[in-house]
Amino acid sequence: MNIDIRKSIISNFQDSPVEEFREAIESSIQEKEEMALPGLGVFFEVLWDASSEEEKENILNLLKKNLV
């Protein structure tokens, strides 16, 4: 069976309210759920693709600053 994780995640959250995104992200982080990492990666990919160059620089600086 070949599952397209990106399409599945996008399809599952496409019509979801913002709060559902927050809950999914926060619960995945709090529970340190390894299975949630691909979904968080898809969220990050969508965010990255929709960001301007300035926003990407801010994201990169935030990541760098907090990887301690």
PDB file of N, CA and C in Angstrom:
ATOM      1  N   MET A   1       0.854  -1.179   0.000  1.00  0.00           N
ATOM      2  CA  MET A   1       0.000   0.000   0.000  1.00  0.00           C
ATOM      3  C   MET A   1       0.902   1.245   0.000  1.00  0.00           C
ATOM      4  N   ASN A   2       0.643   2.169  -0.887  1.00  0.00           N
ATOM      5  CA  ASN A   2       1.418   3.395  -1.001  1.00  0.00           C
ATOM      6  C   ASN A   2       0.568   4.576  -0.517  1.00  0.00           C
ATOM      7  N   ILE A   3       0.973   5.159   0.608  1.00  0.00           N
ATOM      8  CA  ILE A   3       0.202   6.265   1.192  1.00  0.00           C
ATOM      9  C   ILE A   3       0.954   7.565   0.964  1.00  0.00           C
ATOM     10  N   ASP A   4       0.262   8.559   0.445  1.00  0.00           N
ATOM     11  CA  ASP A   4       0.852   9.884   0.270  1.00  0.00           C
ATOM     12  C   ASP A   4       0.560  10.687   1.535  1.00  0.00           C
ATOM     13  N   ILE A   5       1.557  10.765   2.418  1.00  0.00           N
ATOM     14  CA  ILE A   5       1.364  11.411   3.721  1.00  0.00           C
ATOM     15  C   ILE A   5       0.969  12.867   3.555  1.00  0.00           C
ATOM     16  N   ARG A   6       1.617  13.565   2.637  1.00  0.00           N
ATOM     17  CA  ARG A   6       1.304  14.984   2.434  1.00  0.00           C
ATOM     18  C   ARG A   6      -0.172  15.180   2.093  1.00  0.00           C
ATOM     19  N   LYS A   7      -0.628  14.421   1.097  1.00  0.00           N
ATOM     20  CA  LYS A   7      -2.031  14.552   0.674  1.00  0.00           C
ATOM     21  C   LYS A   7      -2.984  14.183   1.801  1.00  0.00           C
ATOM     22  N   SER A   8      -2.631  13.155   2.546  1.00  0.00           N
ATOM     23  CA  SER A   8      -3.489  12.708   3.641  1.00  0.00           C
ATOM     24  C   SER A   8      -3.590  13.771   4.736  1.00  0.00           C
ATOM     25  N   ILE A   9      -2.454  14.329   5.154  1.00  0.00           N
ATOM     26  CA  ILE A   9      -2.459  15.360   6.199  1.00  0.00           C
ATOM     27  C   ILE A   9      -3.231  16.581   5.728  1.00  0.00           C
ATOM     28  N   ILE A  10      -2.937  17.028   4.517  1.00  0.00           N
ATOM     29  CA  ILE A  10      -3.617  18.215   3.978  1.00  0.00           C
ATOM     30  C   ILE A  10      -5.113  17.971   3.885  1.00  0.00           C
ATOM     31  N   SER A  11      -5.493  16.810   3.412  1.00  0.00           N
ATOM     32  CA  SER A  11      -6.910  16.469   3.295  1.00  0.00           C
ATOM     33  C   SER A  11      -7.598  16.431   4.662  1.00  0.00           C
ATOM     34  N   ASN A  12      -6.919  15.872   5.658  1.00  0.00           N
ATOM     35  CA  ASN A  12      -7.502  15.761   7.000  1.00  0.00           C
ATOM     36  C   ASN A  12      -7.692  17.107   7.683  1.00  0.00           C
ATOM     37  N   PHE A  13      -6.851  18.078   7.354  1.00  0.00           N
ATOM     38  CA  PHE A  13      -6.907  19.366   8.049  1.00  0.00           C
ATOM     39  C   PHE A  13      -7.427  20.514   7.183  1.00  0.00           C
ATOM     40  N   GLN A  14      -7.670  20.260   5.927  1.00  0.00           N
ATOM     41  CA  GLN A  14      -8.038  21.313   4.978  1.00  0.00           C
ATOM     42  C   GLN A  14      -9.184  22.215   5.439  1.00  0.00           C
ATOM     43  N   ASP A  15     -10.212  21.644   5.975  1.00  0.00           N
ATOM     44  CA  ASP A  15     -11.371  22.429   6.396  1.00  0.00           C
ATOM     45  C   ASP A  15     -11.458  22.605   7.911  1.00  0.00           C
ATOM     46  N   SER A  16     -10.363  22.349   8.585  1.00  0.00           N
ATOM     47  CA  SER A  16     -10.358  22.432  10.048  1.00  0.00           C
ATOM     48  C   SER A  16     -10.220  23.874  10.526  1.00  0.00           C
ATOM     49  N   PRO A  17     -10.818  24.182  11.675  1.00  0.00           N
ATOM     50  CA  PRO A  17     -10.625  25.511  12.257  1.00  0.00           C
ATOM     51  C   PRO A  17      -9.194  25.645  12.792  1.00  0.00           C
ATOM     52  N   VAL A  18      -8.749  26.873  12.946  1.00  0.00           N
ATOM     53  CA  VAL A  18      -7.396  27.156  13.412  1.00  0.00           C
ATOM     54  C   VAL A  18      -7.107  26.469  14.737  1.00  0.00           C
ATOM     55  N   GLU A  19      -8.071  26.438  15.620  1.00  0.00           N
ATOM     56  CA  GLU A  19      -7.866  25.830  16.935  1.00  0.00           C
ATOM     57  C   GLU A  19      -7.506  24.346  16.816  1.00  0.00           C
ATOM     58  N   GLU A  20      -8.033  23.680  15.812  1.00  0.00           N
ATOM     59  CA  GLU A  20      -7.709  22.267  15.628  1.00  0.00           C
ATOM     60  C   GLU A  20      -6.231  22.097  15.231  1.00  0.00           C
ATOM     61  N   PHE A  21      -5.707  23.033  14.451  1.00  0.00           N
ATOM     62  CA  PHE A  21      -4.281  23.016  14.118  1.00  0.00           C
ATOM     63  C   PHE A  21      -3.455  23.168  15.397  1.00  0.00           C
ATOM     64  N   ARG A  22      -3.845  24.146  16.208  1.00  0.00           N
ATOM     65  CA  ARG A  22      -3.128  24.397  17.463  1.00  0.00           C
ATOM     66  C   ARG A  22      -3.142  23.145  18.345  1.00  0.00           C
ATOM     67  N   GLU A  23      -4.302  22.545  18.494  1.00  0.00           N
ATOM     68  CA  GLU A  23      -4.428  21.350  19.337  1.00  0.00           C
ATOM     69  C   GLU A  23      -3.564  20.210  18.804  1.00  0.00           C
ATOM     70  N   ALA A  24      -3.568  20.005  17.508  1.00  0.00           N
ATOM     71  CA  ALA A  24      -2.775  18.928  16.904  1.00  0.00           C
ATOM     72  C   ALA A  24      -1.290  19.166  17.121  1.00  0.00           C
ATOM     73  N   ILE A  25      -0.847  20.398  16.918  1.00  0.00           N
ATOM     74  CA  ILE A  25       0.568  20.734  17.094  1.00  0.00           C
ATOM     75  C   ILE A  25       0.972  20.601  18.550  1.00  0.00           C
ATOM     76  N   GLU A  26       0.206  21.225  19.442  1.00  0.00           N
ATOM     77  CA  GLU A  26       0.567  21.211  20.859  1.00  0.00           C
ATOM     78  C   GLU A  26       0.519  19.812  21.460  1.00  0.00           C
ATOM     79  N   SER A  27      -0.478  19.027  21.114  1.00  0.00           N
ATOM     80  CA  SER A  27      -0.555  17.675  21.680  1.00  0.00           C
ATOM     81  C   SER A  27       0.573  16.804  21.149  1.00  0.00           C
ATOM     82  N   SER A  28       0.934  16.974  19.883  1.00  0.00           N
ATOM     83  CA  SER A  28       2.054  16.212  19.317  1.00  0.00           C
ATOM     84  C   SER A  28       3.357  16.543  20.024  1.00  0.00           C
ATOM     85  N   ILE A  29       3.559  17.811  20.320  1.00  0.00           N
ATOM     86  CA  ILE A  29       4.782  18.241  21.000  1.00  0.00           C
ATOM     87  C   ILE A  29       4.780  17.774  22.452  1.00  0.00           C
ATOM     88  N   GLN A  30       3.675  17.967  23.148  1.00  0.00           N
ATOM     89  CA  GLN A  30       3.591  17.592  24.568  1.00  0.00           C
ATOM     90  C   GLN A  30       3.771  16.092  24.772  1.00  0.00           C
ATOM     91  N   GLU A  31       3.175  15.316  23.900  1.00  0.00           N
ATOM     92  CA  GLU A  31       3.231  13.859  24.045  1.00  0.00           C
ATOM     93  C   GLU A  31       4.503  13.276  23.458  1.00  0.00           C
ATOM     94  N   LYS A  32       5.303  14.122  22.812  1.00  0.00           N
ATOM     95  CA  LYS A  32       6.547  13.679  22.164  1.00  0.00           C
ATOM     96  C   LYS A  32       6.283  12.450  21.308  1.00  0.00           C
ATOM     97  N   GLU A  33       5.216  12.543  20.553  1.00  0.00           N
ATOM     98  CA  GLU A  33       4.729  11.445  19.731  1.00  0.00           C
ATOM     99  C   GLU A  33       5.530  11.360  18.424  1.00  0.00           C
ATOM    100  N   GLU A  34       6.350  10.323  18.292  1.00  0.00           N
ATOM    101  CA  GLU A  34       7.189  10.155  17.102  1.00  0.00           C
ATOM    102  C   GLU A  34       6.351  10.031  15.821  1.00  0.00           C
ATOM    103  N   MET A  35       5.203   9.403  15.935  1.00  0.00           N
ATOM    104  CA  MET A  35       4.349   9.209  14.760  1.00  0.00           C
ATOM    105  C   MET A  35       3.798  10.534  14.234  1.00  0.00           C
ATOM    106  N   ALA A  36       3.807  11.569  15.052  1.00  0.00           N
ATOM    107  CA  ALA A  36       3.275  12.869  14.632  1.00  0.00           C
ATOM    108  C   ALA A  36       4.295  13.687  13.856  1.00  0.00           C
ATOM    109  N   LEU A  37       5.558  13.291  13.891  1.00  0.00           N
ATOM    110  CA  LEU A  37       6.595  14.082  13.228  1.00  0.00           C
ATOM    111  C   LEU A  37       6.358  14.280  11.728  1.00  0.00           C
ATOM    112  N   PRO A  38       5.935  13.276  10.986  1.00  0.00           N
ATOM    113  CA  PRO A  38       5.659  13.522   9.566  1.00  0.00           C
ATOM    114  C   PRO A  38       4.557  14.572   9.356  1.00  0.00           C
ATOM    115  N   GLY A  39       3.521  14.536  10.182  1.00  0.00           N
ATOM    116  CA  GLY A  39       2.445  15.525  10.070  1.00  0.00           C
ATOM    117  C   GLY A  39       2.934  16.923  10.375  1.00  0.00           C
ATOM    118  N   LEU A  40       3.756  17.049  11.416  1.00  0.00           N
ATOM    119  CA  LEU A  40       4.335  18.352  11.748  1.00  0.00           C
ATOM    120  C   LEU A  40       5.248  18.819  10.618  1.00  0.00           C
ATOM    121  N   GLY A  41       5.929  17.881  10.002  1.00  0.00           N
ATOM    122  CA  GLY A  41       6.777  18.221   8.855  1.00  0.00           C
ATOM    123  C   GLY A  41       5.966  18.760   7.689  1.00  0.00           C
ATOM    124  N   VAL A  42       4.795  18.177   7.464  1.00  0.00           N
ATOM    125  CA  VAL A  42       3.912  18.669   6.398  1.00  0.00           C
ATOM    126  C   VAL A  42       3.434  20.077   6.736  1.00  0.00           C
ATOM    127  N   PHE A  43       3.057  20.308   7.996  1.00  0.00           N
ATOM    128  CA  PHE A  43       2.659  21.659   8.416  1.00  0.00           C
ATOM    129  C   PHE A  43       3.791  22.647   8.162  1.00  0.00           C
ATOM    130  N   PHE A  44       5.023  22.247   8.526  1.00  0.00           N
ATOM    131  CA  PHE A  44       6.170  23.130   8.336  1.00  0.00           C
ATOM    132  C   PHE A  44       6.397  23.395   6.848  1.00  0.00           C
ATOM    133  N   GLU A  45       6.272  22.367   6.025  1.00  0.00           N
ATOM    134  CA  GLU A  45       6.448  22.524   4.584  1.00  0.00           C
ATOM    135  C   GLU A  45       5.437  23.521   4.007  1.00  0.00           C
ATOM    136  N   VAL A  46       4.192  23.413   4.426  1.00  0.00           N
ATOM    137  CA  VAL A  46       3.151  24.333   3.962  1.00  0.00           C
ATOM    138  C   VAL A  46       3.480  25.756   4.413  1.00  0.00           C
ATOM    139  N   LEU A  47       3.885  25.898   5.663  1.00  0.00           N
ATOM    140  CA  LEU A  47       4.268  27.205   6.204  1.00  0.00           C
ATOM    141  C   LEU A  47       5.439  27.786   5.422  1.00  0.00           C
ATOM    142  N   TRP A  48       6.460  26.984   5.211  1.00  0.00           N
ATOM    143  CA  TRP A  48       7.660  27.426   4.504  1.00  0.00           C
ATOM    144  C   TRP A  48       7.323  27.872   3.079  1.00  0.00           C
ATOM    145  N   ASP A  49       6.551  27.054   2.373  1.00  0.00           N
ATOM    146  CA  ASP A  49       6.195  27.377   0.985  1.00  0.00           C
ATOM    147  C   ASP A  49       5.375  28.653   0.869  1.00  0.00           C
ATOM    148  N   ALA A  50       4.600  28.966   1.903  1.00  0.00           N
ATOM    149  CA  ALA A  50       3.743  30.151   1.867  1.00  0.00           C
ATOM    150  C   ALA A  50       4.430  31.401   2.417  1.00  0.00           C
ATOM    151  N   SER A  51       5.656  31.251   2.898  1.00  0.00           N
ATOM    152  CA  SER A  51       6.356  32.367   3.536  1.00  0.00           C
ATOM    153  C   SER A  51       7.165  33.183   2.533  1.00  0.00           C
ATOM    154  N   SER A  52       7.244  34.468   2.821  1.00  0.00           N
ATOM    155  CA  SER A  52       8.104  35.355   2.028  1.00  0.00           C
ATOM    156  C   SER A  52       9.553  35.094   2.430  1.00  0.00           C
ATOM    157  N   GLU A  53      10.492  35.652   1.704  1.00  0.00           N
ATOM    158  CA  GLU A  53      11.904  35.499   2.054  1.00  0.00           C
ATOM    159  C   GLU A  53      12.189  36.073   3.447  1.00  0.00           C
ATOM    160  N   GLU A  54      11.574  37.175   3.770  1.00  0.00           N
ATOM    161  CA  GLU A  54      11.752  37.785   5.095  1.00  0.00           C
ATOM    162  C   GLU A  54      11.219  36.862   6.192  1.00  0.00           C
ATOM    163  N   GLU A  55      10.050  36.292   5.960  1.00  0.00           N
ATOM    164  CA  GLU A  55       9.469  35.368   6.939  1.00  0.00           C
ATOM    165  C   GLU A  55      10.336  34.118   7.093  1.00  0.00           C
ATOM    166  N   LYS A  56      10.897  33.633   5.981  1.00  0.00           N
ATOM    167  CA  LYS A  56      11.788  32.471   6.043  1.00  0.00           C
ATOM    168  C   LYS A  56      13.021  32.785   6.874  1.00  0.00           C
ATOM    169  N   GLU A  57      13.572  33.974   6.702  1.00  0.00           N
ATOM    170  CA  GLU A  57      14.722  34.380   7.507  1.00  0.00           C
ATOM    171  C   GLU A  57      14.352  34.420   8.988  1.00  0.00           C
ATOM    172  N   ASN A  58      13.164  34.931   9.296  1.00  0.00           N
ATOM    173  CA  ASN A  58      12.695  34.964  10.690  1.00  0.00           C
ATOM    174  C   ASN A  58      12.547  33.553  11.255  1.00  0.00           C
ATOM    175  N   ILE A  59      11.995  32.652  10.466  1.00  0.00           N
ATOM    176  CA  ILE A  59      11.830  31.262  10.895  1.00  0.00           C
ATOM    177  C   ILE A  59      13.199  30.643  11.161  1.00  0.00           C
ATOM    178  N   LEU A  60      14.123  30.836  10.238  1.00  0.00           N
ATOM    179  CA  LEU A  60      15.462  30.275  10.396  1.00  0.00           C
ATOM    180  C   LEU A  60      16.160  30.835  11.630  1.00  0.00           C
ATOM    181  N   ASN A  61      16.043  32.145  11.837  1.00  0.00           N
ATOM    182  CA  ASN A  61      16.657  32.766  13.018  1.00  0.00           C
ATOM    183  C   ASN A  61      16.033  32.252  14.307  1.00  0.00           C
ATOM    184  N   LEU A  62      14.717  32.079  14.302  1.00  0.00           N
ATOM    185  CA  LEU A  62      14.024  31.519  15.469  1.00  0.00           C
ATOM    186  C   LEU A  62      14.507  30.103  15.767  1.00  0.00           C
ATOM    187  N   LEU A  63      14.610  29.296  14.722  1.00  0.00           N
ATOM    188  CA  LEU A  63      15.094  27.934  14.905  1.00  0.00           C
ATOM    189  C   LEU A  63      16.516  27.928  15.448  1.00  0.00           C
ATOM    190  N   LYS A  64      17.381  28.705  14.830  1.00  0.00           N
ATOM    191  CA  LYS A  64      18.778  28.768  15.265  1.00  0.00           C
ATOM    192  C   LYS A  64      18.894  29.203  16.715  1.00  0.00           C
ATOM    193  N   LYS A  65      18.144  30.231  17.065  1.00  0.00           N
ATOM    194  CA  LYS A  65      18.169  30.789  18.421  1.00  0.00           C
ATOM    195  C   LYS A  65      17.710  29.773  19.469  1.00  0.00           C
ATOM    196  N   ASN A  66      16.769  28.918  19.091  1.00  0.00           N
ATOM    197  CA  ASN A  66      16.156  28.022  20.070  1.00  0.00           C
ATOM    198  C   ASN A  66      16.689  26.589  20.047  1.00  0.00           C
ATOM    199  N   LEU A  67      17.629  26.314  19.188  1.00  0.00           N
ATOM    200  CA  LEU A  67      18.246  24.990  19.174  1.00  0.00           C
ATOM    201  C   LEU A  67      19.457  24.995  20.102  1.00  0.00           C
ATOM    202  N   VAL A  68      19.189  25.011  21.363  1.00  0.00           N
ATOM    203  CA  VAL A  68      20.245  25.058  22.371  1.00  0.00           C
ATOM    204  C   VAL A  68      20.211  23.836  23.253  1.00  0.00           C
TER     205      VAL A  68
END
